[in-house]
Protein backbone atom coordinates (compact mmCIF):
# COMPACT_ATOMS: atom_id res chain seq x y z
CA MET A 1 40.49 11.10 68.25
CA HIS A 2 37.95 11.33 65.50
CA TYR A 3 34.81 9.23 65.09
CA LEU A 4 32.11 8.43 62.54
CA LYS A 5 28.73 7.67 64.09
CA CYS A 6 26.86 4.78 62.52
CA SER A 7 23.43 5.90 61.20
CA LYS A 8 21.96 2.43 61.96
CA CYS A 9 23.15 1.39 65.42
CA GLY A 10 24.51 4.66 66.78
CA HIS A 11 27.99 3.23 67.51
CA PHE A 12 30.94 5.61 67.35
CA ASN A 13 33.72 4.36 65.13
CA GLU A 14 37.29 5.59 65.71
CA VAL A 15 38.60 6.88 62.51
CA LYS A 16 42.28 5.43 62.48
CA THR A 17 42.45 4.89 58.75
CA GLU A 18 41.11 6.28 55.51
CA TYR A 19 39.87 2.79 54.73
CA LEU A 20 37.23 2.59 57.41
CA VAL A 21 33.94 1.84 55.58
CA LEU A 22 31.97 -0.48 57.72
CA CYS A 23 30.57 0.00 61.35
CA SER A 24 32.59 -2.28 63.67
CA ASN A 25 29.45 -2.89 65.80
CA CYS A 26 26.80 -3.80 63.20
CA ASN A 27 28.86 -4.12 59.86
CA THR A 28 26.64 -1.51 58.17
CA ARG A 29 28.35 0.74 55.65
CA LEU A 30 29.04 4.15 57.21
CA THR A 31 27.44 7.25 55.84
CA ASN A 32 30.03 9.81 54.63
CA ASN A 33 32.99 7.43 54.97
CA PHE A 34 36.25 8.75 53.52
CA THR A 35 36.08 6.62 50.34
CA ASP A 36 32.77 7.91 49.45
CA TRP A 37 33.34 11.44 50.50
CA LYS A 38 36.66 11.49 48.49
CA LYS A 39 34.71 10.85 45.23
CA LYS A 40 32.84 14.17 45.75
CA ASN A 41 35.89 16.05 47.10
CA GLU A 42 38.74 14.85 45.05
CA ASP A 43 40.99 17.72 45.97
CA LYS A 44 40.60 17.28 49.71
CA SER A 45 42.80 15.36 52.02
CA PHE A 46 42.22 12.69 54.79
CA GLU A 47 43.01 15.27 57.43
CA GLU A 48 40.41 17.63 56.01
CA PHE A 49 37.88 14.85 55.97
CA LYS A 50 38.42 14.25 59.66
CA GLN A 51 38.07 17.97 60.46
CA VAL A 52 34.98 18.53 58.35
CA ILE A 53 33.14 15.27 58.61
CA CYS A 54 34.20 13.52 61.88
CA THR A 55 33.30 14.27 65.44
CA THR A 56 35.92 14.54 68.16
CA GLU A 57 33.88 13.28 71.15
CA LYS A 58 31.79 10.35 71.82
CA GLU A 59 28.34 10.74 73.32
CA PRO A 60 28.27 9.12 76.73
CA HIS A 61 26.88 5.60 76.72
CA THR A 62 25.68 5.57 80.20
CA THR A 63 22.35 5.01 81.91
CA GLU A 64 22.70 8.26 83.73
CA LYS A 65 23.11 10.29 80.56
CA LEU A 66 19.89 8.71 79.19
CA LYS A 67 17.99 9.58 82.28
CA LYS A 68 19.10 13.25 82.02
CA SER A 69 18.21 13.56 78.33
CA ASN A 70 15.14 11.43 78.31
CA PRO A 71 12.59 11.69 81.21
CA LYS A 72 11.12 8.32 80.54
CA GLY A 73 14.50 6.63 81.03
CA LEU A 74 15.94 3.22 80.23
CA LYS A 75 13.03 1.21 81.70
CA TYR A 76 10.51 2.98 79.47
CA TRP A 77 12.45 2.32 76.23
CA ILE A 78 13.10 -1.32 76.97
CA SER A 79 9.50 -1.96 77.86
CA PHE A 80 8.40 -0.15 74.68
CA ALA A 81 10.81 -2.34 72.60
CA ILE A 82 9.21 -5.59 74.22
CA GLY A 83 5.76 -4.31 73.40
CA LEU A 84 6.56 -3.26 69.83
CA ALA A 85 8.28 -6.58 69.08
CA ILE A 86 5.12 -8.50 70.30
CA VAL A 87 2.80 -6.25 68.41
CA THR A 88 4.93 -6.31 65.37
CA THR A 89 4.87 -10.04 65.22
CA SER A 90 1.07 -10.20 65.70
CA ALA A 91 0.29 -7.50 63.33
CA ARG A 92 2.51 -8.84 60.54
CA PHE A 93 0.38 -12.04 60.45
CA GLY A 94 -2.92 -11.09 61.98
CA GLY A 95 -5.11 -13.53 63.95
CA ASP A 96 -6.55 -15.42 60.90
CA ALA A 97 -2.95 -15.91 59.44
CA LEU A 98 -1.68 -17.16 62.66
CA SER A 99 -4.65 -19.66 62.95
CA GLY A 100 -3.96 -20.94 59.49
CA LEU A 101 -0.37 -21.57 60.28
CA PHE A 102 -1.12 -23.55 63.56
CA ASN A 103 -3.78 -25.56 61.92
CA LYS A 104 -1.04 -27.37 60.08
CA SER A 105 -0.14 -30.84 61.21
CA THR A 106 3.02 -29.81 62.99
CA PHE A 107 3.83 -26.93 65.35
CA ASN A 108 7.38 -26.31 64.66
CA PRO A 109 7.14 -25.58 60.77
CA ALA A 110 4.44 -22.89 61.69
CA MET A 111 6.65 -21.26 64.21
CA MET A 112 9.66 -21.37 61.77
CA GLU A 113 7.40 -19.68 59.17
CA ILE A 114 6.57 -16.91 61.69
CA ALA A 115 10.25 -16.50 62.64
CA SER A 116 11.20 -16.35 58.93
CA GLU A 117 8.75 -13.61 58.22
CA ILE A 118 9.96 -11.55 61.08
CA ASN A 119 13.60 -11.97 60.31
CA LYS A 120 13.02 -10.54 56.77
CA ASN A 121 13.17 -7.14 58.40
CA CYS A 122 15.90 -7.83 60.86
CA PRO A 123 18.11 -6.52 62.27
CA VAL A 124 15.74 -3.57 62.97
CA MET A 125 15.92 -0.77 65.54
CA VAL A 126 12.75 -0.94 67.60
CA ASP A 127 13.71 2.39 69.36
CA ASN A 128 16.78 4.56 69.73
CA ALA A 129 18.37 2.22 72.02
CA THR A 130 17.20 -1.35 71.22
CA ARG A 131 17.81 -3.52 68.16
CA LEU A 132 15.76 -6.67 67.44
CA ASP A 133 18.50 -8.81 65.93
CA ASN A 134 16.38 -11.94 65.09
CA VAL A 135 13.70 -14.33 66.15
CA ILE A 136 14.56 -18.03 66.33
CA VAL A 137 12.45 -21.15 67.05
CA MET A 138 13.78 -23.31 69.73
CA PRO A 139 12.90 -26.97 70.66
CA ASP A 140 9.76 -27.47 72.85
CA ASN A 141 7.76 -24.77 71.27
CA ILE A 142 9.96 -21.89 72.29
CA LEU A 143 9.93 -18.60 70.37
CA GLN A 144 13.12 -16.54 71.13
CA TYR A 145 13.55 -12.80 70.53
CA ASN A 146 17.20 -11.75 70.42
CA TYR A 147 17.83 -8.10 71.37
CA THR A 148 20.82 -5.76 71.50
CA LEU A 149 21.06 -2.66 73.68
CA VAL A 150 23.07 -0.70 71.42
CA LYS A 151 23.98 2.23 73.61
CA TRP A 152 25.01 0.44 76.78
CA VAL A 153 27.61 -1.99 78.05
CA LYS A 154 26.99 -4.42 80.90
CA ASP A 155 28.72 -2.44 83.65
CA SER A 156 26.41 0.63 83.02
CA ILE A 157 23.09 -1.23 83.62
CA ASN A 158 21.57 -2.50 86.85
CA ILE A 159 20.59 -5.82 85.41
CA ASN A 160 18.44 -7.13 88.31
CA GLU A 161 16.42 -3.88 88.45
CA LEU A 162 15.84 -3.74 84.76
CA LYS A 163 14.81 -7.34 84.61
CA SER A 164 12.42 -7.06 87.50
CA HIS A 165 10.78 -4.09 85.88
CA ILE A 166 10.25 -5.47 82.36
CA GLU A 167 9.25 -9.11 83.17
CA PRO A 168 5.71 -8.27 84.46
CA THR A 169 5.38 -5.92 81.44
CA ILE A 170 6.04 -8.84 78.97
CA ILE A 171 3.67 -11.21 80.80
CA ASN A 172 0.93 -8.59 80.79
CA LEU A 173 1.37 -7.79 77.13
CA ILE A 174 1.21 -11.59 76.26
CA LYS A 175 -1.99 -12.00 78.43
CA THR A 176 -3.83 -8.91 77.03
CA ASN A 177 -2.91 -8.73 73.33
CA PRO A 178 -5.75 -10.64 71.53
CA ASP A 179 -3.47 -11.23 68.53
CA MET A 180 -1.20 -13.46 70.76
CA LYS A 181 -4.21 -15.91 71.44
CA THR A 182 -3.12 -18.42 68.82
CA LEU A 183 0.44 -18.58 69.96
CA CYS A 184 -0.86 -18.80 73.60
CA ASP A 185 -3.32 -21.53 72.72
CA SER A 186 -0.40 -23.45 71.20
CA LYS A 187 1.39 -23.44 74.49
CA THR A 188 4.25 -21.32 73.21
CA THR A 189 7.04 -20.45 75.54
CA PHE A 190 8.40 -16.94 74.92
CA ARG A 191 11.94 -16.12 75.58
CA TYR A 192 13.68 -12.72 75.42
CA TYR A 193 17.46 -12.69 75.24
CA TYR A 194 19.40 -9.39 75.79
CA LYS A 195 23.05 -8.55 75.19
CA ASP A 196 24.93 -5.28 75.41
CA ARG A 197 26.35 -3.36 72.54
CA LYS A 198 29.63 -5.26 72.69
CA GLY A 199 27.63 -8.60 72.34
CA VAL A 200 28.01 -9.48 76.06
CA TYR A 201 25.13 -11.44 77.52
CA LEU A 202 22.94 -9.47 79.94
CA PHE A 203 19.98 -11.63 80.80
CA ARG A 204 16.99 -13.43 79.50
CA ILE A 205 13.32 -13.59 80.41
CA VAL A 206 11.34 -16.78 79.88
CA VAL A 207 7.53 -16.78 79.94
CA ASN A 208 6.04 -20.28 80.16
CA PRO A 209 2.24 -21.06 79.34
CA GLU A 210 1.68 -21.39 83.13
CA GLN A 211 2.53 -17.67 83.55
CA TYR A 212 0.02 -16.27 81.01
CA GLU A 213 -2.85 -18.75 81.13
């Protein structure tokens, strides 16, 4: 089998046809797809393309492989992704900007504006394993971050262990990051929703005001 690796999400796309152009996982145009390659190599065949450009093996998508290649491991990267998402949200607006938004007469429009600003850059890879797909505003002052773990499938992750590790990290970040004060003062409930690279639901973490006050 031959594969083209997506430069955005890292998914390996099996090359069954010369018409493969988009990644089957994230729908991004594949770099060096046959159609584009052929324009620069008009005298070359599809078989030559597969031999020259494609890879014949997938990289393992398992937690064990990550542990061997990265001493920090899966837990580190997920925790890092959570922290980056929070910091990115805060930094994008800044304390003064957030205060201005929440001084409006209603809360939901302010949260929708925050989510809209973040979503302008989504989906975005926050590290080599985690993609922030979008942020959505839910009823009852809930701000939800939707993540995809692009390298793993559900069966390769110890969900309970992972969740128990990152939940206190999230709460601590919300408590200690001064740029989160306006959101916290507004009694925001933070929700983190995770799915695997196939779109299968993994788990969610919900942080209520009572947990960070």
